[in-house]
Each structure stands twice: as C-alpha cells, then as structure tokens.
Amino acid sequence: MFARLAELPLLVVLLGATGLFALLPATHALILNDHAVARDFFYSGLVLLVLTVMLAIATAAYTPRNAARSHLAALAGAYILLPFAMALPLVQAVPDTTWTNAWFEMMSSFTTTGATVYAPDRLTPSIHLWRATVGWFGGFFTLLAAYAILAPLNLGGAEVISGRVPGRGANGATQITRVAEPSERITRYALKIFPVYTVLTLILWIALLILGDDGVTALTHAMGTLSTSGISAEVGSASAPSGFAGEVMIFLFFGFALTRRAFPGTGLGARKRSIASDPELRTAAFLLLLVPSVLFLRHWVGDSTGTFSDPLATLSALWGAVFTAASFLTTTGYGSASWSSTTDWSGLGAPGLLLLGLAIVGGGVATASGGVKLLRVYALFRQGERELEIIIHPTSIGGGGSDARRLRREGAYMAWIFFMLFALSIAVIIAALSLLGLGFESAMVLTIASLTTTGPLADVATVDPIPYAGLSDAVKVTLGVAMVVGRMETLALIALFAPGGWRR
C-alpha cells in the first residue's frame, strides 16, 4: 500500500491525509453530541477524500521530469493550496466567519505559526481540536520535508553542515551506488518519523492529563508543543489546570525542537558527537542562561514594581523567564503563568526585543521550529571567533578537524547568505505592511511573528497586544505569504525558481 501511495503526487497524498484528519474532530464532536459540527467535519472530510481519489486516478501515470524539483514544488504547493482545503470545514462549523479568516487560521496552523483570529470561547472544543490537529500535521510535514526533500538538496540548514551549494545534491554519488528516489525517501522517513512523533505526543498528552488538564486542553498543548505551533484551547498554556507541573513537562519536550538528534535514526551525520558537545544544544543553553539572567538581575539595576519578599515568588519570577524564553526560542510561543511576575520583577512591562530576538534565532536544524536556526548562529559565531584569533595571531591554525573547518568556512558563508536573505525578507514585509496602514512597531512585530512562525509574539512583545482579528484582509494575506516564506525558507524558494532548477 505504501508503495502505491509513493507513486502518487505528493500533493494528492497530503490532500487525502487532510480528509482523514478531518474525521478526528468529526468523531470528537459526535461523542459530545455536537451533531452540527460533526456533520460539517464529516462531510468536508468526505468531499476531500472523494476529490483525492479522483485526482489519484487522474495522476496515476504522471512521472515528473525531475522528481527532486517536483517534490520541492509540491512543498511550496502544499502551503499554498492545503490551507484552502483545511478551511472548508472551518467555514461550515464557525458561524459568521469569512473565507479570509478561515484561510488565515488554517495557514497559521499548518505553518505552525499559531496566530489566531478567533477568541477561544467562540470556538467549540472540536474546532480547537481541528486547529491543533492541523498544526500537528504541519509540524510532522515540516520534519518530513526537512529530511526527505530539503536535506538531499542541501537546504533547510543542511547546507551549513555539508558546506555544499544550496539546491544541489551530492555530486558523483550515482557513480558509486544507486541514489534513492525522492518518493522512496519520503516513504522511508515518514515511516521513521511518524511513529516517534505520535508516541511523543501521546506521552505528553497522558502526562498533562495526569497533572489535571482536561482532554482537549492536554491534547492541544501536547500537539502544540511537539509541532511548535503553540496552539491552545485556552488563553495560552498559562491558564491550564496543570499549572507549574504541566509547564515543567512542556519544558522538557522543548528539547525536541532544539536538536534534530532527539529523533532516532534521522540524524544528518552528527551521531558521532556526544549530546554535551552538540553545538545547537550548547548555543540554546547559553541563550537560556543569558536571557533569564538579564531579566532576573535587572531587578537590582532598574525600576521594578514588585517587592517579592517571598522566596517562592522570586523563584516563580525566575521560572517564568526560563520557560517563556525556551518557548519563544523554539518558536512555540506558550507563555508561563509566572510571566507577569517576571515582568514585574524585572521592571520591564513588555521585554519584546528579547522575545523577538529569541524567535529570530529559532530552534534546531531539521526540527519543527522556525527562525534562522541555532546551527547557523553557531556557525557565524565560530567564524567570528576565528577571525578574532587571526587578528591576534595571524599565523595561527584553526583546529577542530575537517568538520569544524567546514563549519567555519563554507558553513558560515551559507549561514551569512541566509541571514541576509532573512533580514531582507523582514524589510520587505515591514514595508508592505506599512503601505497597508500599520504603524512601524506593529508591522515589525507581526513581520517577525510570521517569518519566524511565532504567532503569539503579537500578544506579548508589545505593551498592548496586537489582535489579529482587527487586521484588514490585505494585511492577513500579506502575513500568510510571510508565513510560507518563513516556513519554507528563502533559500528553498530561490532554489525552486532559479533557472538552474528548470533543467534536469
């Protein structure tokens, strides 16, 4: 069966998966005796499945001229077309909504951004489950694309590891052994990643249930954590009944967004390195030590509004800084229940620049997180460190072996190119939003929130939250485009449309 599915175009398979996932909230609504919502999701899922069968029959004999480029195009097509299919049940189930709002909600969920235009109490539990399911599916698709589509083309951060030109595979491999077809890679990695991804979600879900969360809240937070979408059926994770213990469990699972090595059997050649020496984890540990320390120590050098005579309140403020920093570093966006204590302790009403900076850095390569990625930041840091050594000792030789030298040279060069493209994307989107009538601060926050796929930044990065529901349709469309650019990364889009990709 898997072999037959692998022969179909990737977009057709993804459309069928969307139809199947729509049956989950349909079943949930049926159990809750919410028959109207159950019918909306069941009929929508059935329509999508029928359409999938028709497209599968029509494209059964289709053979792309360049399979690798075809799958890269399918990756872009998935983010462009699937949100419309996912919005179909949402339009039917949510009263008085528009196609633009439904499309934006599904685009935000599928790209694991987590921005929402709906108040939590407006949606039923089954609809919240659909949002979380779409985000969870988007997180899995991000992992699958990273390993099966982007990594073979030296994209998505793999170019920093390999040092080769982005958009091109390894040269000369076909002279030695048979190279796996892209469809074979997708099937193989899907069978490796999906069971681990599902089991980890179930483990966190059960843990949150034991700690006191209700079923939908626990499941949405488990899905939102593993996919880094930050989707919640409540007003963020801060209002969850599991409290501090639930935050500790979620914090532990943030590690899967910091390094690709958390998923067994899918590493990109870094298994020989110990966990303690993993550059991404070391960079993340440094940032998670620096940012909470700055927020905590500022209490004694700035104006704060809280006295905090209770040691537990002081520790609560410190924990709020650690959890929220880790959440935004992984581009998840959950806020701690103690975050207000942290801001009172530090004297900063909204330390937005710190959170924006963490989101821009992002998580690990080949994870579900967004942003520039920790490995690229590490490569730039090591290259800068080496340049300072040469200034002091011009005849010195950089050590660390061939991997370290490649990371400092070709890897840092590729990281710098991506960083410049990312900065250029920020400037273009800010300019577009400014032309549409937004102020500079709002445009900057919304741009970074979209490009880093960290939607909750709009709620916490400014003193006054920026409601997505109040934005115009043109702004929502612009932000949706920015989400796709941030999720796919600019290097992948350039490789897709570059003239060299038009030839076999």
Protein backbone atom coordinates (compact mmCIF):
# COMPACT_ATOMS: atom_id res chain seq x y z
CA MET A 1 0.00 0.00 0.00
CA PHE A 2 2.81 2.42 0.90
CA ALA A 3 4.48 1.70 -2.43
CA ARG A 4 1.27 2.60 -4.29
CA LEU A 5 0.90 5.82 -2.28
CA ALA A 6 4.52 6.74 -3.00
CA GLU A 7 3.77 6.65 -6.72
CA LEU A 8 1.11 9.37 -6.38
CA PRO A 9 1.97 13.09 -6.46
CA LEU A 10 2.82 14.38 -3.00
CA LEU A 11 0.05 16.98 -3.07
CA VAL A 12 -2.57 14.30 -3.70
CA VAL A 13 -1.35 12.26 -0.73
CA LEU A 14 -1.38 15.34 1.51
CA LEU A 15 -4.92 16.19 0.42
CA GLY A 16 -6.04 12.68 1.32
CA ALA A 17 -4.34 12.95 4.71
CA THR A 18 -6.20 16.22 5.31
CA GLY A 19 -9.51 14.48 4.60
CA LEU A 20 -8.65 11.67 7.01
CA PHE A 21 -7.61 14.08 9.77
CA ALA A 22 -10.94 15.91 9.39
CA LEU A 23 -12.64 12.77 10.68
CA LEU A 24 -10.94 13.19 14.08
CA PRO A 25 -12.84 16.36 15.13
CA ALA A 26 -15.95 14.88 13.50
CA THR A 27 -15.72 11.87 15.80
CA HIS A 28 -14.98 14.09 18.80
CA ALA A 29 -17.99 16.30 18.08
CA LEU A 30 -20.18 13.22 17.68
CA ILE A 31 -19.10 11.97 21.11
CA LEU A 32 -20.01 15.37 22.58
CA ASN A 33 -23.40 15.22 20.82
CA ASP A 34 -22.49 18.29 18.79
CA HIS A 35 -24.09 16.86 15.67
CA ALA A 36 -23.96 20.06 13.59
CA VAL A 37 -20.16 20.37 13.92
CA ALA A 38 -19.76 16.61 13.45
CA ARG A 39 -21.66 16.79 10.13
CA ASP A 40 -19.61 19.77 8.97
CA PHE A 41 -16.31 17.98 9.51
CA PHE A 42 -17.54 14.60 8.29
CA TYR A 43 -18.98 15.95 5.05
CA SER A 44 -15.94 18.15 4.44
CA GLY A 45 -13.59 15.24 5.05
CA LEU A 46 -15.66 13.05 2.75
CA VAL A 47 -15.53 15.68 -0.02
CA LEU A 48 -11.75 15.92 0.32
CA LEU A 49 -11.36 12.13 0.21
CA VAL A 50 -13.55 11.85 -2.91
CA LEU A 51 -11.52 14.62 -4.54
CA THR A 52 -8.33 12.80 -3.57
CA VAL A 53 -9.50 9.58 -5.22
CA MET A 54 -10.41 11.45 -8.40
CA LEU A 55 -7.03 13.21 -8.52
CA ALA A 56 -5.21 9.95 -7.77
CA ILE A 57 -6.88 8.27 -10.73
CA ALA A 58 -6.14 11.24 -12.98
CA THR A 59 -2.44 11.44 -11.99
CA ALA A 60 -1.67 7.73 -11.59
CA ALA A 61 0.51 7.65 -14.70
CA TYR A 62 2.20 11.01 -14.08
CA THR A 63 6.00 10.89 -13.99
CA PRO A 64 7.83 14.17 -13.28
CA ARG A 65 10.88 15.01 -15.37
CA ASN A 66 12.84 15.97 -12.27
CA ALA A 67 11.49 14.23 -9.18
CA ALA A 68 13.53 16.21 -6.66
CA ARG A 69 12.40 19.57 -8.06
CA SER A 70 8.86 18.24 -8.34
CA HIS A 71 8.78 17.48 -4.62
CA LEU A 72 10.25 20.89 -3.82
CA ALA A 73 7.46 22.44 -5.89
CA ALA A 74 4.95 20.22 -4.11
CA LEU A 75 6.30 21.53 -0.80
CA ALA A 76 5.50 25.08 -1.88
CA GLY A 77 2.18 23.97 -3.34
CA ALA A 78 1.19 22.32 -0.08
CA TYR A 79 1.50 25.59 1.83
CA ILE A 80 -0.39 27.45 -0.89
CA LEU A 81 -3.27 25.03 -1.58
CA LEU A 82 -3.83 22.87 1.52
CA PRO A 83 -4.96 25.75 3.80
CA PHE A 84 -7.93 26.26 1.46
CA ALA A 85 -8.90 22.59 1.86
CA MET A 86 -8.40 22.79 5.62
CA ALA A 87 -10.56 25.91 5.79
CA LEU A 88 -13.53 24.10 4.23
CA PRO A 89 -14.86 22.53 7.47
CA LEU A 90 -13.95 25.66 9.44
CA VAL A 91 -16.14 27.86 7.27
CA GLN A 92 -19.04 25.47 7.77
CA ALA A 93 -18.55 24.97 11.52
CA VAL A 94 -17.84 28.55 12.67
CA PRO A 95 -20.86 30.84 12.33
CA ASP A 96 -20.44 34.31 10.82
CA THR A 97 -16.87 33.80 9.67
CA THR A 98 -15.29 34.62 6.33
CA TRP A 99 -13.13 32.63 3.94
CA THR A 100 -10.26 35.02 4.57
CA ASN A 101 -10.35 34.44 8.33
CA ALA A 102 -10.72 30.69 7.91
CA TRP A 103 -7.86 30.59 5.39
CA PHE A 104 -5.65 32.70 7.65
CA GLU A 105 -6.41 30.46 10.64
CA MET A 106 -5.51 27.31 8.72
CA MET A 107 -2.43 28.88 7.12
CA SER A 108 -1.27 29.92 10.58
CA SER A 109 -1.92 26.44 11.96
CA PHE A 110 -0.38 24.47 9.08
CA THR A 111 2.79 26.59 9.10
CA THR A 112 2.92 26.08 12.91
CA THR A 113 2.68 29.84 13.46
CA GLY A 114 -0.19 29.66 15.95
CA ALA A 115 -1.71 33.09 15.25
CA THR A 116 -5.48 33.11 15.62
CA VAL A 117 -8.28 35.47 14.66
CA TYR A 118 -10.84 33.77 16.90
CA ALA A 119 -11.40 34.27 20.62
CA PRO A 120 -11.03 30.93 22.47
CA ASP A 121 -14.61 30.99 23.78
CA ARG A 122 -16.00 31.47 20.26
CA LEU A 123 -14.85 28.03 19.11
CA THR A 124 -16.15 24.69 20.29
CA PRO A 125 -13.72 22.07 21.68
CA SER A 126 -13.93 20.09 18.43
CA ILE A 127 -12.87 23.12 16.39
CA HIS A 128 -9.98 23.75 18.78
CA LEU A 129 -9.03 20.12 18.21
CA TRP A 130 -9.07 20.73 14.44
CA ARG A 131 -6.74 23.73 14.82
CA ALA A 132 -4.36 21.68 16.92
CA THR A 133 -4.55 18.73 14.53
CA VAL A 134 -3.72 20.91 11.55
CA GLY A 135 -0.79 22.39 13.46
CA TRP A 136 0.38 18.92 14.49
CA PHE A 137 0.11 17.72 10.88
CA GLY A 138 2.05 20.81 9.80
CA GLY A 139 4.81 20.02 12.30
CA PHE A 140 5.10 16.46 11.01
CA PHE A 141 5.14 17.68 7.43
CA THR A 142 7.92 20.14 8.32
CA LEU A 143 10.04 17.32 9.75
CA LEU A 144 9.34 15.06 6.79
CA ALA A 145 10.19 17.79 4.28
CA ALA A 146 13.40 18.64 6.14
CA TYR A 147 14.75 15.10 5.87
CA ALA A 148 13.24 13.79 2.65
CA ILE A 149 13.10 16.91 0.44
CA LEU A 150 15.30 19.74 1.73
CA ALA A 151 18.29 17.86 3.15
CA PRO A 152 19.09 15.96 -0.10
CA LEU A 153 19.10 19.33 -1.89
CA ASN A 154 21.31 20.94 0.80
CA LEU A 155 18.53 23.22 2.02
CA GLY A 156 16.85 23.92 5.34
CA GLY A 157 20.15 24.14 7.24
CA ALA A 158 21.75 21.06 5.69
CA GLU A 159 23.90 23.40 3.57
CA VAL A 160 25.62 24.59 6.77
CA ILE A 161 26.51 21.00 7.68
CA SER A 162 27.59 19.88 4.22
CA GLY A 163 29.12 23.14 3.01
CA ARG A 164 27.77 22.47 -0.50
CA VAL A 165 25.82 24.81 -2.74
CA PRO A 166 22.13 25.03 -1.71
CA GLY A 167 19.69 23.50 -4.16
CA ARG A 168 22.08 20.85 -5.43
CA GLY A 169 22.57 17.29 -4.22
CA ALA A 170 25.84 15.49 -3.73
CA ASN A 171 27.85 15.15 -6.90
CA GLY A 172 29.23 11.85 -8.08
CA ALA A 173 27.11 9.64 -5.87
CA THR A 174 25.41 7.98 -8.81
CA GLN A 175 28.76 6.61 -9.95
CA ILE A 176 29.16 4.66 -6.73
CA THR A 177 25.73 3.47 -5.71
CA ARG A 178 22.06 3.87 -6.51
CA VAL A 179 20.55 7.05 -5.09
CA ALA A 180 17.12 6.65 -3.52
CA GLU A 181 14.25 8.27 -5.39
CA PRO A 182 12.58 11.20 -3.60
CA SER A 183 9.33 9.24 -3.25
CA GLU A 184 11.26 6.40 -1.60
CA ARG A 185 12.90 8.84 0.81
CA ILE A 186 9.55 10.35 1.71
CA THR A 187 8.06 6.94 2.43
CA ARG A 188 11.08 5.78 4.42
CA TYR A 189 11.33 8.90 6.57
CA ALA A 190 7.56 9.07 7.06
CA LEU A 191 7.62 5.55 8.49
CA LYS A 192 10.53 6.54 10.77
CA ILE A 193 9.33 9.94 11.96
CA PHE A 194 5.58 9.48 12.30
CA PRO A 195 5.64 6.72 14.98
CA VAL A 196 8.15 8.61 17.13
CA TYR A 197 6.31 11.90 16.62
CA THR A 198 2.99 10.29 17.56
CA VAL A 199 4.32 8.44 20.60
CA LEU A 200 5.97 11.58 21.97
CA THR A 201 2.70 13.46 21.56
CA LEU A 202 0.78 10.72 23.35
CA ILE A 203 3.30 10.66 26.21
CA LEU A 204 2.98 14.40 26.78
CA TRP A 205 -0.81 14.21 26.43
CA ILE A 206 -1.09 11.48 29.06
CA ALA A 207 1.29 13.35 31.37
CA LEU A 208 -0.79 16.53 31.15
CA LEU A 209 -3.97 14.54 31.73
CA ILE A 210 -2.48 13.05 34.89
CA LEU A 211 -1.47 16.53 36.05
CA GLY A 212 -5.07 17.78 35.82
CA ASP A 213 -5.72 19.14 32.32
CA ASP A 214 -8.93 18.13 30.56
CA GLY A 215 -8.70 16.01 27.42
CA VAL A 216 -8.86 18.72 24.75
CA THR A 217 -6.60 21.16 26.62
CA ALA A 218 -4.00 18.47 27.26
CA LEU A 219 -4.10 17.23 23.66
CA THR A 220 -3.90 20.69 22.10
CA HIS A 221 -0.94 21.60 24.31
CA ALA A 222 0.78 18.30 23.53
CA MET A 223 0.25 18.79 19.80
CA GLY A 224 1.21 22.45 20.03
CA THR A 225 4.45 21.63 21.85
CA LEU A 226 5.67 18.86 19.54
CA SER A 227 4.76 20.83 16.42
CA THR A 228 5.93 24.19 17.92
CA SER A 229 2.63 25.72 16.79
CA GLY A 230 1.73 27.00 20.26
CA ILE A 231 -1.97 26.35 19.62
CA SER A 232 -4.16 26.18 22.70
CA ALA A 233 -7.80 25.71 23.53
CA GLU A 234 -7.30 28.12 26.42
CA VAL A 235 -5.75 31.59 26.54
CA GLY A 236 -2.29 30.07 26.14
CA SER A 237 -0.82 27.45 28.44
CA ALA A 238 -0.82 29.91 31.35
CA SER A 239 -4.46 29.16 32.20
CA ALA A 240 -4.10 25.36 32.03
CA PRO A 241 -5.17 23.48 35.19
CA SER A 242 -1.91 21.51 35.25
CA GLY A 243 -0.10 24.63 36.42
CA PHE A 244 3.60 24.56 37.23
CA ALA A 245 3.93 20.80 36.84
CA GLY A 246 2.40 20.99 33.38
CA GLU A 247 4.84 23.72 32.40
CA VAL A 248 7.76 21.56 33.54
CA MET A 249 6.56 18.70 31.34
CA ILE A 250 6.15 21.00 28.34
CA PHE A 251 9.59 22.50 29.02
CA LEU A 252 11.19 19.05 28.84
CA PHE A 253 9.63 18.43 25.44
CA PHE A 254 11.01 21.72 24.11
CA GLY A 255 14.24 19.79 23.68
CA PHE A 256 12.84 18.09 20.57
CA ALA A 257 12.73 21.49 18.87
CA LEU A 258 16.33 22.34 19.80
CA THR A 259 18.16 19.47 18.11
CA ARG A 260 17.42 17.02 15.31
CA ARG A 261 19.21 14.31 17.28
CA ALA A 262 16.17 13.83 19.50
CA PHE A 263 14.52 11.68 16.83
CA PRO A 264 16.37 8.36 16.48
CA GLY A 265 17.53 7.19 13.08
CA THR A 266 17.08 10.51 11.27
CA GLY A 267 20.26 12.47 12.08
CA LEU A 268 22.22 14.34 9.45
CA GLY A 269 25.58 12.82 10.25
CA ALA A 270 26.06 14.20 13.78
CA ARG A 271 25.62 10.96 15.74
CA LYS A 272 29.33 10.65 16.46
CA ARG A 273 29.19 13.82 18.56
CA SER A 274 28.07 13.50 22.18
CA ILE A 275 24.99 15.32 23.42
CA ALA A 276 27.10 17.53 25.70
CA SER A 277 29.14 18.80 22.74
CA ASP A 278 26.18 19.32 20.39
CA PRO A 279 26.59 22.90 19.08
CA GLU A 280 22.85 23.58 18.89
CA LEU A 281 22.21 22.47 22.47
CA ARG A 282 25.20 24.43 23.73
CA THR A 283 24.02 27.56 21.94
CA ALA A 284 20.49 27.07 23.28
CA ALA A 285 21.82 26.54 26.83
CA PHE A 286 23.83 29.76 26.58
CA LEU A 287 20.80 31.75 25.44
CA LEU A 288 18.53 30.18 28.06
CA LEU A 289 21.09 31.17 30.71
CA LEU A 290 21.69 34.67 29.35
CA VAL A 291 18.13 35.93 28.77
CA PRO A 292 16.57 34.82 32.10
CA SER A 293 19.65 36.15 33.90
CA VAL A 294 19.23 39.55 32.27
CA LEU A 295 15.55 39.65 33.23
CA PHE A 296 16.26 38.43 36.77
CA LEU A 297 19.29 40.62 37.53
CA ARG A 298 17.70 43.78 36.17
CA HIS A 299 15.62 43.88 39.35
CA TRP A 300 18.62 45.39 41.13
CA VAL A 301 19.61 47.88 38.43
CA GLY A 302 16.23 49.14 37.22
CA ASP A 303 12.78 50.06 38.47
CA SER A 304 10.57 47.13 39.40
CA THR A 305 7.01 47.14 40.61
CA GLY A 306 7.10 44.08 42.86
CA THR A 307 8.72 43.67 46.28
CA PHE A 308 8.80 39.84 46.24
CA SER A 309 9.59 39.30 49.90
CA ASP A 310 8.51 35.67 49.50
CA PRO A 311 11.35 33.46 48.16
CA LEU A 312 8.81 31.32 46.29
CA ALA A 313 7.58 34.39 44.42
CA THR A 314 11.16 35.17 43.47
CA LEU A 315 11.70 31.65 42.15
CA SER A 316 8.39 31.88 40.33
CA ALA A 317 9.59 35.01 38.52
CA LEU A 318 12.82 33.22 37.56
CA TRP A 319 10.93 30.17 36.29
CA GLY A 320 8.62 32.38 34.23
CA ALA A 321 11.66 33.84 32.49
CA VAL A 322 13.23 30.42 31.82
CA PHE A 323 10.05 28.78 30.49
CA THR A 324 8.99 31.71 28.31
CA ALA A 325 12.50 32.14 26.91
CA ALA A 326 12.64 28.44 25.96
CA SER A 327 9.15 28.62 24.47
CA PHE A 328 9.98 31.53 22.18
CA LEU A 329 13.43 30.18 21.34
CA THR A 330 11.72 27.08 19.96
CA THR A 331 9.17 29.40 18.25
CA THR A 332 6.34 27.69 20.16
CA GLY A 333 5.04 30.79 21.89
CA TYR A 334 3.50 29.43 25.10
CA GLY A 335 3.75 31.89 27.97
CA SER A 336 4.31 30.84 31.55
CA ALA A 337 1.70 31.57 34.21
CA SER A 338 4.55 33.31 36.06
CA TRP A 339 5.43 35.60 33.15
CA SER A 340 3.60 38.55 34.71
CA SER A 341 5.70 38.04 37.86
CA THR A 342 8.81 38.04 35.67
CA THR A 343 7.93 41.37 34.06
CA ASP A 344 7.10 42.90 37.44
CA TRP A 345 10.37 41.61 38.89
CA SER A 346 12.47 42.95 36.02
CA GLY A 347 10.58 46.23 35.77
CA LEU A 348 10.01 45.74 32.05
CA GLY A 349 6.37 45.96 31.06
CA ALA A 350 6.94 44.00 27.84
CA PRO A 351 10.50 42.84 27.14
CA GLY A 352 9.58 42.47 23.49
CA LEU A 353 13.05 42.86 21.98
CA LEU A 354 14.34 39.90 23.97
CA LEU A 355 11.47 37.68 22.83
CA LEU A 356 11.77 38.90 19.24
CA GLY A 357 15.48 38.12 19.29
CA LEU A 358 14.90 34.63 20.64
CA ALA A 359 12.29 33.92 17.98
CA ILE A 360 14.63 35.15 15.23
CA VAL A 361 17.36 32.77 16.44
CA GLY A 362 14.88 29.88 16.44
CA GLY A 363 15.44 26.21 17.20
CA GLY A 364 17.45 23.41 15.68
CA VAL A 365 18.03 22.44 12.07
CA ALA A 366 15.63 19.76 10.78
CA THR A 367 13.16 20.36 13.61
CA ALA A 368 9.65 21.81 13.55
CA SER A 369 10.84 25.19 14.85
CA GLY A 370 11.29 28.28 12.70
CA GLY A 371 13.68 31.21 12.73
CA VAL A 372 17.26 31.47 11.50
CA LYS A 373 18.17 28.25 13.40
CA LEU A 374 20.72 27.68 16.13
CA LEU A 375 23.28 25.96 13.90
CA ARG A 376 23.52 28.96 11.58
CA VAL A 377 24.03 31.28 14.55
CA TYR A 378 26.68 28.92 15.93
CA ALA A 379 28.49 28.82 12.57
CA LEU A 380 28.58 32.62 12.39
CA PHE A 381 29.84 32.80 15.96
CA ARG A 382 32.65 30.32 15.32
CA GLN A 383 33.66 32.12 12.14
CA GLY A 384 33.78 35.44 14.01
CA GLU A 385 35.77 33.84 16.80
CA ARG A 386 38.28 32.52 14.26
CA GLU A 387 38.62 35.96 12.63
CA LEU A 388 39.47 37.49 16.01
CA GLU A 389 42.11 34.78 16.55
CA ILE A 390 43.69 35.63 13.20
CA ILE A 391 43.83 39.33 14.14
CA ILE A 392 45.68 38.49 17.36
CA HIS A 393 47.77 35.61 15.96
CA PRO A 394 47.97 35.95 12.14
CA THR A 395 49.92 32.70 11.72
CA SER A 396 47.67 30.57 13.93
CA ILE A 397 45.98 27.43 12.61
CA GLY A 398 42.34 26.74 13.37
CA GLY A 399 41.81 23.31 14.89
CA GLY A 400 38.81 21.09 15.38
CA GLY A 401 39.19 18.84 12.37
CA SER A 402 37.64 18.94 8.92
CA ASP A 403 34.07 19.29 10.20
CA ALA A 404 34.91 22.35 12.28
CA ARG A 405 36.85 23.94 9.42
CA ARG A 406 33.97 23.33 7.01
CA LEU A 407 31.54 24.85 9.52
CA ARG A 408 33.71 27.97 9.93
CA ARG A 409 34.25 28.43 6.21
CA GLU A 410 31.58 27.18 3.80
CA GLY A 411 29.02 26.67 6.57
CA ALA A 412 29.41 30.21 7.91
CA TYR A 413 29.27 31.58 4.35
CA MET A 414 25.95 29.81 3.71
CA ALA A 415 24.64 30.92 7.10
CA TRP A 416 25.53 34.54 6.33
CA ILE A 417 23.74 34.40 2.98
CA PHE A 418 20.61 33.04 4.65
CA PHE A 419 20.80 35.63 7.42
CA MET A 420 20.99 38.44 4.85
CA LEU A 421 18.04 36.99 2.91
CA PHE A 422 16.09 36.69 6.16
CA ALA A 423 16.84 40.33 7.04
CA LEU A 424 15.83 41.39 3.53
CA SER A 425 12.55 39.47 3.91
CA ILE A 426 11.87 41.31 7.16
CA ALA A 427 12.45 44.67 5.46
CA VAL A 428 10.19 43.81 2.51
CA ILE A 429 7.29 42.57 4.66
CA ILE A 430 7.56 45.55 7.04
CA ALA A 431 7.45 47.90 4.06
CA ALA A 432 4.41 46.10 2.66
CA LEU A 433 2.55 46.25 5.98
CA SER A 434 3.45 49.92 6.40
CA LEU A 435 1.97 50.66 2.98
CA LEU A 436 -1.20 48.89 4.14
CA GLY A 437 -1.55 51.31 7.04
CA LEU A 438 0.15 49.65 10.04
CA GLY A 439 2.50 51.52 12.34
CA PHE A 440 6.18 50.61 12.40
CA GLU A 441 6.11 48.78 15.75
CA SER A 442 3.07 46.69 14.87
CA ALA A 443 4.44 45.96 11.39
CA MET A 444 7.79 44.84 12.83
CA VAL A 445 6.26 42.56 15.45
CA LEU A 446 3.79 40.98 13.03
CA THR A 447 6.51 40.51 10.41
CA ILE A 448 8.87 38.73 12.78
CA ALA A 449 5.99 36.72 14.22
CA SER A 450 5.10 35.50 10.72
CA LEU A 451 8.59 34.89 9.32
CA THR A 452 9.69 33.01 12.46
CA THR A 453 6.31 31.19 12.71
CA THR A 454 5.81 32.51 16.26
CA GLY A 455 2.31 33.95 16.17
CA PRO A 456 1.93 34.58 19.95
CA LEU A 457 4.59 37.31 19.70
CA ALA A 458 1.77 39.69 18.82
CA ASP A 459 0.28 39.11 22.28
CA VAL A 460 3.38 39.54 24.45
CA ALA A 461 6.02 41.51 22.52
CA THR A 462 4.26 44.86 22.95
CA VAL A 463 2.62 46.58 25.89
CA ASP A 464 -0.77 46.40 24.17
CA PRO A 465 -1.48 43.10 22.37
CA ILE A 466 -2.00 43.26 18.61
CA PRO A 467 -5.26 41.43 17.78
CA TYR A 468 -5.13 39.50 14.53
CA ALA A 469 -8.92 39.75 14.24
CA GLY A 470 -8.71 43.52 13.82
CA LEU A 471 -6.37 43.38 10.82
CA SER A 472 -7.61 44.02 7.31
CA ASP A 473 -7.89 41.23 4.76
CA ALA A 474 -4.92 42.61 2.80
CA VAL A 475 -2.74 42.52 5.92
CA LYS A 476 -3.81 38.95 6.68
CA VAL A 477 -2.96 37.84 3.14
CA THR A 478 0.44 39.53 3.42
CA LEU A 479 1.12 37.82 6.74
CA GLY A 480 0.02 34.50 5.25
CA VAL A 481 2.59 34.91 2.46
CA ALA A 482 5.22 35.76 5.08
CA MET A 483 4.37 32.56 6.97
CA VAL A 484 5.00 30.49 3.85
CA VAL A 485 8.32 32.27 3.24
CA GLY A 486 9.36 31.74 6.84
CA ARG A 487 8.32 28.10 6.87
CA MET A 488 9.93 27.14 3.56
CA GLU A 489 12.92 29.49 3.96
CA THR A 490 14.10 31.88 1.26
CA LEU A 491 16.94 29.64 0.07
CA ALA A 492 14.46 26.90 -0.81
CA LEU A 493 12.28 29.36 -2.72
CA ILE A 494 15.30 30.68 -4.63
CA ALA A 495 16.38 27.12 -5.44
CA LEU A 496 12.86 26.37 -6.69
CA PHE A 497 12.66 29.34 -9.05
CA ALA A 498 16.33 29.55 -10.06
CA PRO A 499 16.92 28.90 -13.80
CA GLY A 500 19.26 26.02 -12.95
CA GLY A 501 16.29 24.15 -11.48
CA TRP A 502 14.40 24.24 -14.79
CA ARG A 503 16.80 21.71 -16.33
CA ARG A 504 17.12 18.11 -15.35
